[in-house]
Amino acid sequence: MATLVVTEALVQCAVGATPSAMTIIGNIIAGEGMIGNISSAIPFVNIEGFSVCSILAAATFGAKTECVPAIESWIPGVPTVLVGEEAALDQTSMLVCDEGGVITIEFPGQIQINAAA
């Protein structure tokens, strides 16, 4: 069983300096918040930056460079559970940033609502 991701989940980029809270926008609520889907990946809407990006900092010779996530959609999601006609987002999903980072879900925002994978 996969734990679904809801509003206030905590996500982290492998090359970012700090974790970020996730904001889910929608109208499907379960347990402690709105459930995300694989399209819940809009920079600065669903996912704030991760402070400083170490890959971008290396490219600028160590200058602190703000993280601006260059992302598309979460993979793989839970294809057996649809949220707004798209696969639900679960705690094992990840995002690949075009800058070279990988974003993972550190805390799904709740511990109650499970989905059969």
PDB file of N, CA and C in Angstrom:
ATOM      1  N   MET A   1       0.837  -1.183   0.000  1.00  0.00           N
ATOM      2  CA  MET A   1       0.000   0.000   0.000  1.00  0.00           C
ATOM      3  C   MET A   1       0.878   1.241   0.000  1.00  0.00           C
ATOM      4  N   ALA A   2       0.529   2.183  -0.823  1.00  0.00           N
ATOM      5  CA  ALA A   2       1.286   3.424  -0.925  1.00  0.00           C
ATOM      6  C   ALA A   2       0.573   4.525  -0.151  1.00  0.00           C
ATOM      7  N   THR A   3       1.339   5.366   0.525  1.00  0.00           N
ATOM      8  CA  THR A   3       0.755   6.493   1.243  1.00  0.00           C
ATOM      9  C   THR A   3       0.607   7.660   0.280  1.00  0.00           C
ATOM     10  N   LEU A   4      -0.620   8.156   0.130  1.00  0.00           N
ATOM     11  CA  LEU A   4      -0.880   9.269  -0.780  1.00  0.00           C
ATOM     12  C   LEU A   4      -0.313  10.568  -0.225  1.00  0.00           C
ATOM     13  N   VAL A   5       0.075  11.455  -1.139  1.00  0.00           N
ATOM     14  CA  VAL A   5       0.655  12.745  -0.773  1.00  0.00           C
ATOM     15  C   VAL A   5      -0.446  13.795  -0.724  1.00  0.00           C
ATOM     16  N   VAL A   6      -0.476  14.561   0.373  1.00  0.00           N
ATOM     17  CA  VAL A   6      -1.468  15.616   0.545  1.00  0.00           C
ATOM     18  C   VAL A   6      -0.766  16.943   0.825  1.00  0.00           C
ATOM     19  N   THR A   7      -1.572  18.012   0.854  1.00  0.00           N
ATOM     20  CA  THR A   7      -1.051  19.345   1.159  1.00  0.00           C
ATOM     21  C   THR A   7      -0.171  19.313   2.398  1.00  0.00           C
ATOM     22  N   GLU A   8       0.885  20.083   2.363  1.00  0.00           N
ATOM     23  CA  GLU A   8       1.881  20.198   3.432  1.00  0.00           C
ATOM     24  C   GLU A   8       2.853  19.029   3.483  1.00  0.00           C
ATOM     25  N   ALA A   9       2.917  18.267   2.400  1.00  0.00           N
ATOM     26  CA  ALA A   9       3.964  17.248   2.304  1.00  0.00           C
ATOM     27  C   ALA A   9       5.309  17.965   2.295  1.00  0.00           C
ATOM     28  N   LEU A  10       6.338  17.268   2.674  1.00  0.00           N
ATOM     29  CA  LEU A  10       7.689  17.832   2.701  1.00  0.00           C
ATOM     30  C   LEU A  10       8.512  17.149   1.617  1.00  0.00           C
ATOM     31  N   VAL A  11       9.069  17.952   0.705  1.00  0.00           N
ATOM     32  CA  VAL A  11       9.871  17.419  -0.391  1.00  0.00           C
ATOM     33  C   VAL A  11      11.296  17.955  -0.300  1.00  0.00           C
ATOM     34  N   GLN A  12      12.237  17.203  -0.869  1.00  0.00           N
ATOM     35  CA  GLN A  12      13.648  17.588  -0.808  1.00  0.00           C
ATOM     36  C   GLN A  12      14.322  17.267  -2.138  1.00  0.00           C
ATOM     37  N   CYS A  13      15.138  18.193  -2.612  1.00  0.00           N
ATOM     38  CA  CYS A  13      15.953  17.962  -3.800  1.00  0.00           C
ATOM     39  C   CYS A  13      17.336  17.511  -3.338  1.00  0.00           C
ATOM     40  N   ALA A  14      17.899  16.532  -4.015  1.00  0.00           N
ATOM     41  CA  ALA A  14      19.209  15.990  -3.646  1.00  0.00           C
ATOM     42  C   ALA A  14      20.319  17.038  -3.725  1.00  0.00           C
ATOM     43  N   VAL A  15      20.131  18.082  -4.531  1.00  0.00           N
ATOM     44  CA  VAL A  15      21.164  19.118  -4.652  1.00  0.00           C
ATOM     45  C   VAL A  15      20.701  20.469  -4.109  1.00  0.00           C
ATOM     46  N   GLY A  16      19.536  20.489  -3.463  1.00  0.00           N
ATOM     47  CA  GLY A  16      19.031  21.708  -2.841  1.00  0.00           C
ATOM     48  C   GLY A  16      19.509  21.822  -1.410  1.00  0.00           C
ATOM     49  N   ALA A  17      19.509  23.037  -0.890  1.00  0.00           N
ATOM     50  CA  ALA A  17      20.019  23.277   0.461  1.00  0.00           C
ATOM     51  C   ALA A  17      19.003  22.979   1.560  1.00  0.00           C
ATOM     52  N   THR A  18      17.716  23.197   1.293  1.00  0.00           N
ATOM     53  CA  THR A  18      16.702  23.010   2.332  1.00  0.00           C
ATOM     54  C   THR A  18      15.479  22.284   1.768  1.00  0.00           C
ATOM     55  N   PRO A  19      14.726  21.589   2.625  1.00  0.00           N
ATOM     56  CA  PRO A  19      13.472  20.978   2.168  1.00  0.00           C
ATOM     57  C   PRO A  19      12.429  22.058   1.885  1.00  0.00           C
ATOM     58  N   SER A  20      11.348  21.658   1.251  1.00  0.00           N
ATOM     59  CA  SER A  20      10.287  22.595   0.903  1.00  0.00           C
ATOM     60  C   SER A  20       8.932  21.956   1.184  1.00  0.00           C
ATOM     61  N   ALA A  21       7.994  22.757   1.681  1.00  0.00           N
ATOM     62  CA  ALA A  21       6.621  22.274   1.862  1.00  0.00           C
ATOM     63  C   ALA A  21       5.934  22.291   0.506  1.00  0.00           C
ATOM     64  N   MET A  22       5.077  21.316   0.284  1.00  0.00           N
ATOM     65  CA  MET A  22       4.362  21.211  -0.980  1.00  0.00           C
ATOM     66  C   MET A  22       2.936  21.707  -0.800  1.00  0.00           C
ATOM     67  N   THR A  23       2.454  22.454  -1.769  1.00  0.00           N
ATOM     68  CA  THR A  23       1.084  22.945  -1.762  1.00  0.00           C
ATOM     69  C   THR A  23       0.318  22.232  -2.867  1.00  0.00           C
ATOM     70  N   ILE A  24      -0.757  21.569  -2.501  1.00  0.00           N
ATOM     71  CA  ILE A  24      -1.582  20.863  -3.476  1.00  0.00           C
ATOM     72  C   ILE A  24      -2.824  21.706  -3.722  1.00  0.00           C
ATOM     73  N   ILE A  25      -3.119  21.947  -4.974  1.00  0.00           N
ATOM     74  CA  ILE A  25      -4.299  22.721  -5.344  1.00  0.00           C
ATOM     75  C   ILE A  25      -5.283  21.763  -5.999  1.00  0.00           C
ATOM     76  N   GLY A  26      -6.490  21.755  -5.523  1.00  0.00           N
ATOM     77  CA  GLY A  26      -7.489  20.856  -6.076  1.00  0.00           C
ATOM     78  C   GLY A  26      -8.691  20.796  -5.164  1.00  0.00           C
ATOM     79  N   ASN A  27      -9.552  19.826  -5.421  1.00  0.00           N
ATOM     80  CA  ASN A  27     -10.759  19.737  -4.608  1.00  0.00           C
ATOM     81  C   ASN A  27     -11.045  18.328  -4.106  1.00  0.00           C
ATOM     82  N   ILE A  28     -10.063  17.435  -4.212  1.00  0.00           N
ATOM     83  CA  ILE A  28     -10.260  16.085  -3.697  1.00  0.00           C
ATOM     84  C   ILE A  28      -9.522  15.976  -2.373  1.00  0.00           C
ATOM     85  N   ILE A  29     -10.303  15.853  -1.306  1.00  0.00           N
ATOM     86  CA  ILE A  29      -9.748  15.848   0.047  1.00  0.00           C
ATOM     87  C   ILE A  29      -9.895  14.452   0.638  1.00  0.00           C
ATOM     88  N   ALA A  30      -8.840  14.018   1.292  1.00  0.00           N
ATOM     89  CA  ALA A  30      -8.875  12.741   2.007  1.00  0.00           C
ATOM     90  C   ALA A  30      -8.004  12.875   3.240  1.00  0.00           C
ATOM     91  N   GLY A  31      -8.501  12.413   4.350  1.00  0.00           N
ATOM     92  CA  GLY A  31      -7.704  12.462   5.570  1.00  0.00           C
ATOM     93  C   GLY A  31      -7.367  13.880   5.963  1.00  0.00           C
ATOM     94  N   GLU A  32      -6.108  14.227   5.866  1.00  0.00           N
ATOM     95  CA  GLU A  32      -5.619  15.501   6.381  1.00  0.00           C
ATOM     96  C   GLU A  32      -5.417  16.595   5.340  1.00  0.00           C
ATOM     97  N   GLY A  33      -5.824  16.392   4.099  1.00  0.00           N
ATOM     98  CA  GLY A  33      -5.647  17.458   3.116  1.00  0.00           C
ATOM     99  C   GLY A  33      -6.009  17.034   1.707  1.00  0.00           C
ATOM    100  N   MET A  34      -5.770  17.947   0.771  1.00  0.00           N
ATOM    101  CA  MET A  34      -6.043  17.681  -0.634  1.00  0.00           C
ATOM    102  C   MET A  34      -5.003  16.714  -1.187  1.00  0.00           C
ATOM    103  N   ILE A  35      -5.450  15.771  -2.003  1.00  0.00           N
ATOM    104  CA  ILE A  35      -4.566  14.760  -2.579  1.00  0.00           C
ATOM    105  C   ILE A  35      -3.940  15.300  -3.863  1.00  0.00           C
ATOM    106  N   GLY A  36      -2.646  15.062  -4.015  1.00  0.00           N
ATOM    107  CA  GLY A  36      -1.945  15.474  -5.223  1.00  0.00           C
ATOM    108  C   GLY A  36      -1.999  14.410  -6.304  1.00  0.00           C
ATOM    109  N   ASN A  37      -1.719  14.847  -7.539  1.00  0.00           N
ATOM    110  CA  ASN A  37      -1.564  13.896  -8.637  1.00  0.00           C
ATOM    111  C   ASN A  37      -0.218  14.154  -9.320  1.00  0.00           C
ATOM    112  N   ILE A  38       0.100  13.384 -10.351  1.00  0.00           N
ATOM    113  CA  ILE A  38       1.424  13.494 -10.954  1.00  0.00           C
ATOM    114  C   ILE A  38       1.686  14.847 -11.612  1.00  0.00           C
ATOM    115  N   SER A  39       0.650  15.646 -11.805  1.00  0.00           N
ATOM    116  CA  SER A  39       0.833  16.991 -12.366  1.00  0.00           C
ATOM    117  C   SER A  39       1.015  18.062 -11.293  1.00  0.00           C
ATOM    118  N   SER A  40       1.033  17.674 -10.034  1.00  0.00           N
ATOM    119  CA  SER A  40       1.231  18.635  -8.936  1.00  0.00           C
ATOM    120  C   SER A  40       2.714  18.998  -8.851  1.00  0.00           C
ATOM    121  N   ALA A  41       3.211  19.614  -9.913  1.00  0.00           N
ATOM    122  CA  ALA A  41       4.646  19.887 -10.015  1.00  0.00           C
ATOM    123  C   ALA A  41       4.922  21.248 -10.641  1.00  0.00           C
ATOM    124  N   ILE A  42       4.109  22.228 -10.323  1.00  0.00           N
ATOM    125  CA  ILE A  42       4.307  23.568 -10.884  1.00  0.00           C
ATOM    126  C   ILE A  42       5.242  24.344  -9.962  1.00  0.00           C
ATOM    127  N   PRO A  43       6.413  24.777 -10.508  1.00  0.00           N
ATOM    128  CA  PRO A  43       7.360  25.525  -9.674  1.00  0.00           C
ATOM    129  C   PRO A  43       6.721  26.772  -9.062  1.00  0.00           C
ATOM    130  N   PHE A  44       6.959  26.984  -7.786  1.00  0.00           N
ATOM    131  CA  PHE A  44       6.493  28.122  -7.001  1.00  0.00           C
ATOM    132  C   PHE A  44       4.978  28.181  -6.840  1.00  0.00           C
ATOM    133  N   VAL A  45       4.265  27.155  -7.299  1.00  0.00           N
ATOM    134  CA  VAL A  45       2.845  26.992  -7.013  1.00  0.00           C
ATOM    135  C   VAL A  45       2.695  25.761  -6.121  1.00  0.00           C
ATOM    136  N   ASN A  46       3.111  24.602  -6.642  1.00  0.00           N
ATOM    137  CA  ASN A  46       3.085  23.370  -5.845  1.00  0.00           C
ATOM    138  C   ASN A  46       4.374  23.175  -5.054  1.00  0.00           C
ATOM    139  N   ILE A  47       5.494  23.545  -5.646  1.00  0.00           N
ATOM    140  CA  ILE A  47       6.797  23.315  -5.022  1.00  0.00           C
ATOM    141  C   ILE A  47       7.599  24.603  -5.047  1.00  0.00           C
ATOM    142  N   GLU A  48       7.943  25.080  -3.845  1.00  0.00           N
ATOM    143  CA  GLU A  48       8.834  26.236  -3.737  1.00  0.00           C
ATOM    144  C   GLU A  48      10.247  25.772  -4.076  1.00  0.00           C
ATOM    145  N   GLY A  49      11.150  26.690  -4.186  1.00  0.00           N
ATOM    146  CA  GLY A  49      12.542  26.317  -4.408  1.00  0.00           C
ATOM    147  C   GLY A  49      13.146  25.689  -3.164  1.00  0.00           C
ATOM    148  N   PHE A  50      14.361  25.209  -3.297  1.00  0.00           N
ATOM    149  CA  PHE A  50      15.068  24.552  -2.198  1.00  0.00           C
ATOM    150  C   PHE A  50      16.239  25.405  -1.737  1.00  0.00           C
ATOM    151  N   SER A  51      16.025  26.710  -1.682  1.00  0.00           N
ATOM    152  CA  SER A  51      17.032  27.684  -1.271  1.00  0.00           C
ATOM    153  C   SER A  51      18.130  27.767  -2.319  1.00  0.00           C
ATOM    154  N   VAL A  52      19.283  27.176  -2.062  1.00  0.00           N
ATOM    155  CA  VAL A  52      20.420  27.262  -2.978  1.00  0.00           C
ATOM    156  C   VAL A  52      20.600  25.925  -3.693  1.00  0.00           C
ATOM    157  N   CYS A  53      20.856  25.977  -5.000  1.00  0.00           N
ATOM    158  CA  CYS A  53      21.111  24.778  -5.798  1.00  0.00           C
ATOM    159  C   CYS A  53      22.617  24.579  -5.930  1.00  0.00           C
ATOM    160  N   SER A  54      23.128  23.443  -5.476  1.00  0.00           N
ATOM    161  CA  SER A  54      24.579  23.223  -5.529  1.00  0.00           C
ATOM    162  C   SER A  54      25.085  23.015  -6.953  1.00  0.00           C
ATOM    163  N   ILE A  55      24.253  22.506  -7.856  1.00  0.00           N
ATOM    164  CA  ILE A  55      24.677  22.351  -9.253  1.00  0.00           C
ATOM    165  C   ILE A  55      24.824  23.715  -9.906  1.00  0.00           C
ATOM    166  N   LEU A  56      23.833  24.590  -9.706  1.00  0.00           N
ATOM    167  CA  LEU A  56      23.929  25.936 -10.279  1.00  0.00           C
ATOM    168  C   LEU A  56      25.054  26.725  -9.632  1.00  0.00           C
ATOM    169  N   ALA A  57      25.295  26.514  -8.332  1.00  0.00           N
ATOM    170  CA  ALA A  57      26.388  27.207  -7.650  1.00  0.00           C
ATOM    171  C   ALA A  57      27.730  26.782  -8.236  1.00  0.00           C
ATOM    172  N   ALA A  58      27.893  25.499  -8.542  1.00  0.00           N
ATOM    173  CA  ALA A  58      29.142  25.020  -9.146  1.00  0.00           C
ATOM    174  C   ALA A  58      29.338  25.638 -10.528  1.00  0.00           C
ATOM    175  N   ALA A  59      28.243  25.807 -11.261  1.00  0.00           N
ATOM    176  CA  ALA A  59      28.332  26.390 -12.601  1.00  0.00           C
ATOM    177  C   ALA A  59      28.682  27.872 -12.562  1.00  0.00           C
ATOM    178  N   THR A  60      28.442  28.519 -11.426  1.00  0.00           N
ATOM    179  CA  THR A  60      28.753  29.950 -11.295  1.00  0.00           C
ATOM    180  C   THR A  60      29.937  30.162 -10.355  1.00  0.00           C
ATOM    181  N   PHE A  61      30.826  29.157 -10.292  1.00  0.00           N
ATOM    182  CA  PHE A  61      32.064  29.231  -9.508  1.00  0.00           C
ATOM    183  C   PHE A  61      31.821  29.522  -8.029  1.00  0.00           C
ATOM    184  N   GLY A  62      30.794  28.870  -7.474  1.00  0.00           N
ATOM    185  CA  GLY A  62      30.543  28.955  -6.041  1.00  0.00           C
ATOM    186  C   GLY A  62      29.606  30.057  -5.599  1.00  0.00           C
ATOM    187  N   ALA A  63      29.151  30.890  -6.519  1.00  0.00           N
ATOM    188  CA  ALA A  63      28.207  31.945  -6.141  1.00  0.00           C
ATOM    189  C   ALA A  63      26.887  31.300  -5.723  1.00  0.00           C
ATOM    190  N   LYS A  64      26.314  31.761  -4.620  1.00  0.00           N
ATOM    191  CA  LYS A  64      25.033  31.219  -4.167  1.00  0.00           C
ATOM    192  C   LYS A  64      23.977  31.515  -5.225  1.00  0.00           C
ATOM    193  N   THR A  65      23.386  30.456  -5.743  1.00  0.00           N
ATOM    194  CA  THR A  65      22.420  30.573  -6.826  1.00  0.00           C
ATOM    195  C   THR A  65      21.091  29.993  -6.374  1.00  0.00           C
ATOM    196  N   GLU A  66      20.041  30.801  -6.449  1.00  0.00           N
ATOM    197  CA  GLU A  66      18.719  30.369  -5.999  1.00  0.00           C
ATOM    198  C   GLU A  66      18.228  29.177  -6.806  1.00  0.00           C
ATOM    199  N   CYS A  67      17.608  28.242  -6.119  1.00  0.00           N
ATOM    200  CA  CYS A  67      17.019  27.074  -6.760  1.00  0.00           C
ATOM    201  C   CYS A  67      15.702  27.477  -7.428  1.00  0.00           C
ATOM    202  N   VAL A  68      15.613  27.217  -8.719  1.00  0.00           N
ATOM    203  CA  VAL A  68      14.372  27.385  -9.463  1.00  0.00           C
ATOM    204  C   VAL A  68      14.087  26.025 -10.096  1.00  0.00           C
ATOM    205  N   PRO A  69      13.180  25.236  -9.521  1.00  0.00           N
ATOM    206  CA  PRO A  69      12.947  23.889 -10.041  1.00  0.00           C
ATOM    207  C   PRO A  69      12.538  23.899 -11.518  1.00  0.00           C
ATOM    208  N   ALA A  70      13.251  23.124 -12.332  1.00  0.00           N
ATOM    209  CA  ALA A  70      12.940  22.955 -13.754  1.00  0.00           C
ATOM    210  C   ALA A  70      12.374  21.543 -13.898  1.00  0.00           C
ATOM    211  N   ILE A  71      11.075  21.411 -13.655  1.00  0.00           N
ATOM    212  CA  ILE A  71      10.453  20.096 -13.499  1.00  0.00           C
ATOM    213  C   ILE A  71       9.247  19.934 -14.412  1.00  0.00           C
ATOM    214  N   GLU A  72       8.846  18.667 -14.631  1.00  0.00           N
ATOM    215  CA  GLU A  72       7.671  18.384 -15.447  1.00  0.00           C
ATOM    216  C   GLU A  72       6.597  17.683 -14.631  1.00  0.00           C
ATOM    217  N   SER A  73       6.627  16.360 -14.540  1.00  0.00           N
ATOM    218  CA  SER A  73       5.621  15.675 -13.724  1.00  0.00           C
ATOM    219  C   SER A  73       6.268  14.567 -12.904  1.00  0.00           C
ATOM    220  N   TRP A  74       5.591  14.218 -11.813  1.00  0.00           N
ATOM    221  CA  TRP A  74       6.066  13.177 -10.911  1.00  0.00           C
ATOM    222  C   TRP A  74       6.000  11.825 -11.603  1.00  0.00           C
ATOM    223  N   ILE A  75       6.928  10.936 -11.257  1.00  0.00           N
ATOM    224  CA  ILE A  75       6.893   9.570 -11.756  1.00  0.00           C
ATOM    225  C   ILE A  75       7.058   8.609 -10.588  1.00  0.00           C
ATOM    226  N   PRO A  76       6.476   7.475 -10.520  1.00  0.00           N
ATOM    227  CA  PRO A  76       5.463   6.972 -11.437  1.00  0.00           C
ATOM    228  C   PRO A  76       4.037   7.323 -11.018  1.00  0.00           C
ATOM    229  N   GLY A  77       3.804   7.668  -9.747  1.00  0.00           N
ATOM    230  CA  GLY A  77       2.439   7.884  -9.270  1.00  0.00           C
ATOM    231  C   GLY A  77       1.752   6.545  -9.023  1.00  0.00           C
ATOM    232  N   VAL A  78       0.461   6.605  -8.732  1.00  0.00           N
ATOM    233  CA  VAL A  78      -0.336   5.390  -8.494  1.00  0.00           C
ATOM    234  C   VAL A  78      -1.397   5.322  -9.596  1.00  0.00           C
ATOM    235  N   PRO A  79      -1.130   4.589 -10.679  1.00  0.00           N
ATOM    236  CA  PRO A  79      -2.054   4.571 -11.815  1.00  0.00           C
ATOM    237  C   PRO A  79      -3.412   3.949 -11.515  1.00  0.00           C
ATOM    238  N   THR A  80      -3.523   3.193 -10.421  1.00  0.00           N
ATOM    239  CA  THR A  80      -4.805   2.575 -10.070  1.00  0.00           C
ATOM    240  C   THR A  80      -5.710   3.512  -9.277  1.00  0.00           C
ATOM    241  N   VAL A  81      -5.178   4.680  -8.879  1.00  0.00           N
ATOM    242  CA  VAL A  81      -5.964   5.680  -8.148  1.00  0.00           C
ATOM    243  C   VAL A  81      -5.878   6.981  -8.929  1.00  0.00           C
ATOM    244  N   LEU A  82      -7.013   7.454  -9.436  1.00  0.00           N
ATOM    245  CA  LEU A  82      -7.016   8.681 -10.228  1.00  0.00           C
ATOM    246  C   LEU A  82      -7.484   9.863  -9.398  1.00  0.00           C
ATOM    247  N   VAL A  83      -6.783  10.968  -9.562  1.00  0.00           N
ATOM    248  CA  VAL A  83      -7.137  12.239  -8.933  1.00  0.00           C
ATOM    249  C   VAL A  83      -7.218  13.244 -10.071  1.00  0.00           C
ATOM    250  N   GLY A  84      -8.431  13.690 -10.388  1.00  0.00           N
ATOM    251  CA  GLY A  84      -8.594  14.599 -11.516  1.00  0.00           C
ATOM    252  C   GLY A  84      -8.129  13.989 -12.822  1.00  0.00           C
ATOM    253  N   GLU A  85      -8.431  12.730 -13.061  1.00  0.00           N
ATOM    254  CA  GLU A  85      -8.108  11.982 -14.272  1.00  0.00           C
ATOM    255  C   GLU A  85      -6.623  11.679 -14.460  1.00  0.00           C
ATOM    256  N   GLU A  86      -5.817  11.886 -13.427  1.00  0.00           N
ATOM    257  CA  GLU A  86      -4.394  11.556 -13.497  1.00  0.00           C
ATOM    258  C   GLU A  86      -4.015  10.698 -12.299  1.00  0.00           C
ATOM    259  N   ALA A  87      -2.920   9.969 -12.434  1.00  0.00           N
ATOM    260  CA  ALA A  87      -2.462   9.088 -11.359  1.00  0.00           C
ATOM    261  C   ALA A  87      -2.229   9.887 -10.084  1.00  0.00           C
ATOM    262  N   ALA A  88      -2.655   9.313  -8.963  1.00  0.00           N
ATOM    263  CA  ALA A  88      -2.438   9.946  -7.658  1.00  0.00           C
ATOM    264  C   ALA A  88      -0.946   9.969  -7.348  1.00  0.00           C
ATOM    265  N   LEU A  89      -0.558  10.909  -6.505  1.00  0.00           N
ATOM    266  CA  LEU A  89       0.832  11.062  -6.083  1.00  0.00           C
ATOM    267  C   LEU A  89       1.033  10.306  -4.779  1.00  0.00           C
ATOM    268  N   ASP A  90       2.054   9.447  -4.720  1.00  0.00           N
ATOM    269  CA  ASP A  90       2.343   8.723  -3.485  1.00  0.00           C
ATOM    270  C   ASP A  90       3.774   8.998  -3.044  1.00  0.00           C
ATOM    271  N   GLN A  91       4.099   8.549  -1.834  1.00  0.00           N
ATOM    272  CA  GLN A  91       5.381   8.907  -1.230  1.00  0.00           C
ATOM    273  C   GLN A  91       6.590   8.317  -1.945  1.00  0.00           C
ATOM    274  N   THR A  92       6.401   7.368  -2.855  1.00  0.00           N
ATOM    275  CA  THR A  92       7.540   6.812  -3.590  1.00  0.00           C
ATOM    276  C   THR A  92       7.792   7.529  -4.909  1.00  0.00           C
ATOM    277  N   SER A  93       6.936   8.464  -5.273  1.00  0.00           N
ATOM    278  CA  SER A  93       7.099   9.207  -6.523  1.00  0.00           C
ATOM    279  C   SER A  93       8.292  10.146  -6.431  1.00  0.00           C
ATOM    280  N   MET A  94       8.838  10.515  -7.596  1.00  0.00           N
ATOM    281  CA  MET A  94       9.948  11.458  -7.620  1.00  0.00           C
ATOM    282  C   MET A  94       9.863  12.334  -8.859  1.00  0.00           C
ATOM    283  N   LEU A  95      10.584  13.442  -8.787  1.00  0.00           N
ATOM    284  CA  LEU A  95      10.686  14.384  -9.899  1.00  0.00           C
ATOM    285  C   LEU A  95      12.150  14.489 -10.295  1.00  0.00           C
ATOM    286  N   VAL A  96      12.402  14.594 -11.589  1.00  0.00           N
ATOM    287  CA  VAL A  96      13.762  14.830 -12.057  1.00  0.00           C
ATOM    288  C   VAL A  96      13.824  16.273 -12.539  1.00  0.00           C
ATOM    289  N   CYS A  97      14.764  17.034 -11.987  1.00  0.00           N
ATOM    290  CA  CYS A  97      14.938  18.437 -12.364  1.00  0.00           C
ATOM    291  C   CYS A  97      15.874  18.508 -13.570  1.00  0.00           C
ATOM    292  N   ASP A  98      15.562  19.367 -14.518  1.00  0.00           N
ATOM    293  CA  ASP A  98      16.401  19.534 -15.705  1.00  0.00           C
ATOM    294  C   ASP A  98      17.800  20.031 -15.371  1.00  0.00           C
ATOM    295  N   GLU A  99      17.978  20.596 -14.175  1.00  0.00           N
ATOM    296  CA  GLU A  99      19.309  21.063 -13.757  1.00  0.00           C
ATOM    297  C   GLU A  99      20.173  19.915 -13.246  1.00  0.00           C
ATOM    298  N   GLY A 100      19.563  18.740 -12.985  1.00  0.00           N
ATOM    299  CA  GLY A 100      20.325  17.581 -12.541  1.00  0.00           C
ATOM    300  C   GLY A 100      19.946  17.030 -11.188  1.00  0.00           C
ATOM    301  N   GLY A 101      19.040  17.666 -10.497  1.00  0.00           N
ATOM    302  CA  GLY A 101      18.623  17.187  -9.184  1.00  0.00           C
ATOM    303  C   GLY A 101      17.491  16.178  -9.273  1.00  0.00           C
ATOM    304  N   VAL A 102      17.270  15.470  -8.180  1.00  0.00           N
ATOM    305  CA  VAL A 102      16.150  14.540  -8.062  1.00  0.00           C
ATOM    306  C   VAL A 102      15.382  14.924  -6.805  1.00  0.00           C
ATOM    307  N   ILE A 103      14.086  15.161  -6.960  1.00  0.00           N
ATOM    308  CA  ILE A 103      13.235  15.589  -5.856  1.00  0.00           C
ATOM    309  C   ILE A 103      12.442  14.383  -5.356  1.00  0.00           C
ATOM    310  N   THR A 104      12.526  14.152  -4.052  1.00  0.00           N
ATOM    311  CA  THR A 104      11.809  13.038  -3.432  1.00  0.00           C
ATOM    312  C   THR A 104      10.881  13.560  -2.341  1.00  0.00           C
ATOM    313  N   ILE A 105       9.947  12.730  -1.949  1.00  0.00           N
ATOM    314  CA  ILE A 105       8.996  13.089  -0.905  1.00  0.00           C
ATOM    315  C   ILE A 105       9.523  12.553   0.421  1.00  0.00           C
ATOM    316  N   GLU A 106       9.866  13.461   1.320  1.00  0.00           N
ATOM    317  CA  GLU A 106      10.403  13.086   2.627  1.00  0.00           C
ATOM    318  C   GLU A 106       9.293  12.733   3.612  1.00  0.00           C
ATOM    319  N   PHE A 107       8.180  13.465   3.543  1.00  0.00           N
ATOM    320  CA  PHE A 107       7.013  13.208   4.389  1.00  0.00           C
ATOM    321  C   PHE A 107       5.780  13.488   3.545  1.00  0.00           C
ATOM    322  N   PRO A 108       4.848  12.540   3.411  1.00  0.00           N
ATOM    323  CA  PRO A 108       3.712  12.717   2.509  1.00  0.00           C
ATOM    324  C   PRO A 108       2.624  13.672   3.000  1.00  0.00           C
ATOM    325  N   GLY A 109       2.775  14.257   4.178  1.00  0.00           N
ATOM    326  CA  GLY A 109       1.773  15.190   4.682  1.00  0.00           C
ATOM    327  C   GLY A 109       0.734  14.538   5.575  1.00  0.00           C
ATOM    328  N   GLN A 110       0.698  13.221   5.602  1.00  0.00           N
ATOM    329  CA  GLN A 110      -0.237  12.471   6.439  1.00  0.00           C
ATOM    330  C   GLN A 110       0.231  11.033   6.516  1.00  0.00           C
ATOM    331  N   ILE A 111      -0.342  10.308   7.439  1.00  0.00           N
ATOM    332  CA  ILE A 111       0.046   8.908   7.588  1.00  0.00           C
ATOM    333  C   ILE A 111      -1.150   7.960   7.553  1.00  0.00           C
ATOM    334  N   GLN A 112      -2.321   8.465   7.139  1.00  0.00           N
ATOM    335  CA  GLN A 112      -3.542   7.665   7.249  1.00  0.00           C
ATOM    336  C   GLN A 112      -4.052   7.065   5.951  1.00  0.00           C
ATOM    337  N   ILE A 113      -4.041   7.807   4.869  1.00  0.00           N
ATOM    338  CA  ILE A 113      -4.735   7.381   3.657  1.00  0.00           C
ATOM    339  C   ILE A 113      -3.796   6.589   2.761  1.00  0.00           C
ATOM    340  N   ASN A 114      -4.103   5.327   2.530  1.00  0.00           N
ATOM    341  CA  ASN A 114      -3.278   4.460   1.699  1.00  0.00           C
ATOM    342  C   ASN A 114      -4.004   4.114   0.413  1.00  0.00           C
ATOM    343  N   ALA A 115      -3.235   3.771  -0.598  1.00  0.00           N
ATOM    344  CA  ALA A 115      -3.793   3.349  -1.874  1.00  0.00           C
ATOM    345  C   ALA A 115      -3.176   2.015  -2.246  1.00  0.00           C
ATOM    346  N   ALA A 116      -3.990   1.130  -2.773  1.00  0.00           N
ATOM    347  CA  ALA A 116      -3.455  -0.150  -3.241  1.00  0.00           C
ATOM    348  C   ALA A 116      -2.688   0.110  -4.522  1.00  0.00           C
ATOM    349  N   ALA A 117      -1.424  -0.242  -4.537  1.00  0.00           N
ATOM    350  CA  ALA A 117      -0.587   0.015  -5.715  1.00  0.00           C
ATOM    351  C   ALA A 117      -0.706  -1.101  -6.720  1.00  0.00           C
TER     352      ALA A 117
END
